[in-house]
């Protein structure tokens, strides 16, 4: 069971990194430093951007849940 949650944690970690990197920069941070500060003429967020936000939040919550469950399993196992 610990191995299954460990594998899920690795998968969720990779997915979370990819999703965070897919977000467009909001400006004023490190994204400006590396050329990500180009402003588009479209104001507001698109449907794709809002869906990306929702998916990122869900994956982040699943990632957190995996960490909590792994911590409980390891505490009970020792």
C-alpha atoms as a PDB file:
ATOM      1  CA  UNK A   1       0.000   0.000   0.000  1.00  0.00           C
ATOM      2  CA  UNK A   2       2.890   2.345   0.783  1.00  0.00           C
ATOM      3  CA  UNK A   3       4.428   1.575  -2.597  1.00  0.00           C
ATOM      4  CA  UNK A   4       1.176   2.430  -4.375  1.00  0.00           C
ATOM      5  CA  UNK A   5       0.893   5.798  -2.623  1.00  0.00           C
ATOM      6  CA  UNK A   6       4.593   6.477  -3.257  1.00  0.00           C
ATOM      7  CA  UNK A   7       4.118   5.886  -6.980  1.00  0.00           C
ATOM      8  CA  UNK A   8       0.997   8.076  -6.961  1.00  0.00           C
ATOM      9  CA  UNK A   9       2.974  10.810  -5.189  1.00  0.00           C
ATOM     10  CA  UNK A  10       5.674  10.704  -7.862  1.00  0.00           C
ATOM     11  CA  UNK A  11       3.081  10.859 -10.650  1.00  0.00           C
ATOM     12  CA  UNK A  12       1.211  13.740  -8.997  1.00  0.00           C
ATOM     13  CA  UNK A  13       4.496  15.589  -8.411  1.00  0.00           C
ATOM     14  CA  UNK A  14       5.463  15.394 -12.071  1.00  0.00           C
ATOM     15  CA  UNK A  15       1.953  16.416 -13.167  1.00  0.00           C
ATOM     16  CA  UNK A  16       1.953  19.342 -10.744  1.00  0.00           C
ATOM     17  CA  UNK A  17       5.318  20.585 -12.039  1.00  0.00           C
ATOM     18  CA  UNK A  18       4.115  20.379 -15.634  1.00  0.00           C
ATOM     19  CA  UNK A  19       0.847  22.162 -14.856  1.00  0.00           C
ATOM     20  CA  UNK A  20       2.546  24.976 -12.956  1.00  0.00           C
ATOM     21  CA  UNK A  21       4.987  25.500 -15.809  1.00  0.00           C
ATOM     22  CA  UNK A  22       2.107  25.674 -18.290  1.00  0.00           C
ATOM     23  CA  UNK A  23       0.587  28.715 -16.556  1.00  0.00           C
ATOM     24  CA  UNK A  24       1.297  32.025 -18.167  1.00  0.00           C
ATOM     25  CA  UNK A  25       3.272  34.558 -16.184  1.00  0.00           C
ATOM     26  CA  UNK A  26       1.334  37.304 -14.443  1.00  0.00           C
ATOM     27  CA  UNK A  27       4.244  39.747 -14.606  1.00  0.00           C
ATOM     28  CA  UNK A  28       6.491  41.279 -12.006  1.00  0.00           C
ATOM     29  CA  UNK A  29       8.195  38.047 -11.011  1.00  0.00           C
ATOM     30  CA  UNK A  30      10.795  35.671 -12.300  1.00  0.00           C
ATOM     31  CA  UNK A  31       8.793  35.125 -15.487  1.00  0.00           C
ATOM     32  CA  UNK A  32       9.662  38.693 -16.559  1.00  0.00           C
ATOM     33  CA  UNK A  33      13.321  37.941 -16.095  1.00  0.00           C
ATOM     34  CA  UNK A  34      13.277  35.108 -18.604  1.00  0.00           C
ATOM     35  CA  UNK A  35      11.113  36.726 -21.269  1.00  0.00           C
ATOM     36  CA  UNK A  36       7.737  35.594 -20.000  1.00  0.00           C
ATOM     37  CA  UNK A  37       6.554  39.122 -19.359  1.00  0.00           C
ATOM     38  CA  UNK A  38       5.130  39.732 -22.823  1.00  0.00           C
ATOM     39  CA  UNK A  39       1.642  41.116 -22.342  1.00  0.00           C
ATOM     40  CA  UNK A  40      -1.062  39.959 -24.694  1.00  0.00           C
ATOM     41  CA  UNK A  41      -3.776  42.277 -25.932  1.00  0.00           C
ATOM     42  CA  UNK A  42      -6.471  39.977 -24.571  1.00  0.00           C
ATOM     43  CA  UNK A  43      -7.564  41.045 -21.090  1.00  0.00           C
ATOM     44  CA  UNK A  44      -8.881  38.547 -18.575  1.00  0.00           C
ATOM     45  CA  UNK A  45      -8.393  34.827 -18.479  1.00  0.00           C
ATOM     46  CA  UNK A  46      -9.640  32.450 -21.104  1.00  0.00           C
ATOM     47  CA  UNK A  47     -11.605  29.270 -20.552  1.00  0.00           C
ATOM     48  CA  UNK A  48      -8.455  27.215 -21.068  1.00  0.00           C
ATOM     49  CA  UNK A  49      -6.607  29.212 -18.403  1.00  0.00           C
ATOM     50  CA  UNK A  50      -9.452  28.788 -15.900  1.00  0.00           C
ATOM     51  CA  UNK A  51      -9.603  25.043 -16.597  1.00  0.00           C
ATOM     52  CA  UNK A  52      -5.832  24.836 -16.151  1.00  0.00           C
ATOM     53  CA  UNK A  53      -6.242  26.582 -12.781  1.00  0.00           C
ATOM     54  CA  UNK A  54      -8.913  24.090 -11.710  1.00  0.00           C
ATOM     55  CA  UNK A  55      -6.880  21.067 -12.808  1.00  0.00           C
ATOM     56  CA  UNK A  56      -3.816  22.415 -10.987  1.00  0.00           C
ATOM     57  CA  UNK A  57      -5.808  22.864  -7.770  1.00  0.00           C
ATOM     58  CA  UNK A  58      -7.243  19.330  -7.962  1.00  0.00           C
ATOM     59  CA  UNK A  59      -3.830  17.759  -8.617  1.00  0.00           C
ATOM     60  CA  UNK A  60      -2.353  19.839  -5.781  1.00  0.00           C
ATOM     61  CA  UNK A  61      -5.023  18.589  -3.370  1.00  0.00           C
ATOM     62  CA  UNK A  62      -4.443  14.987  -4.459  1.00  0.00           C
ATOM     63  CA  UNK A  63      -0.690  15.498  -3.983  1.00  0.00           C
ATOM     64  CA  UNK A  64      -1.295  16.823  -0.463  1.00  0.00           C
ATOM     65  CA  UNK A  65      -3.641  13.929   0.347  1.00  0.00           C
ATOM     66  CA  UNK A  66      -0.997  11.415  -0.790  1.00  0.00           C
ATOM     67  CA  UNK A  67       1.572  13.017   1.527  1.00  0.00           C
ATOM     68  CA  UNK A  68      -0.822  12.891   4.493  1.00  0.00           C
ATOM     69  CA  UNK A  69      -1.787   9.258   3.831  1.00  0.00           C
ATOM     70  CA  UNK A  70       1.853   8.232   3.385  1.00  0.00           C
ATOM     71  CA  UNK A  71       2.753   9.935   6.653  1.00  0.00           C
ATOM     72  CA  UNK A  72      -0.038   8.121   8.483  1.00  0.00           C
ATOM     73  CA  UNK A  73       0.871   4.767   6.926  1.00  0.00           C
ATOM     74  CA  UNK A  74       4.530   5.148   7.796  1.00  0.00           C
ATOM     75  CA  UNK A  75       3.732   6.197  11.363  1.00  0.00           C
ATOM     76  CA  UNK A  76       1.427   3.207  11.844  1.00  0.00           C
ATOM     77  CA  UNK A  77       3.940   0.849  10.239  1.00  0.00           C
ATOM     78  CA  UNK A  78       6.825   1.667  12.563  1.00  0.00           C
END
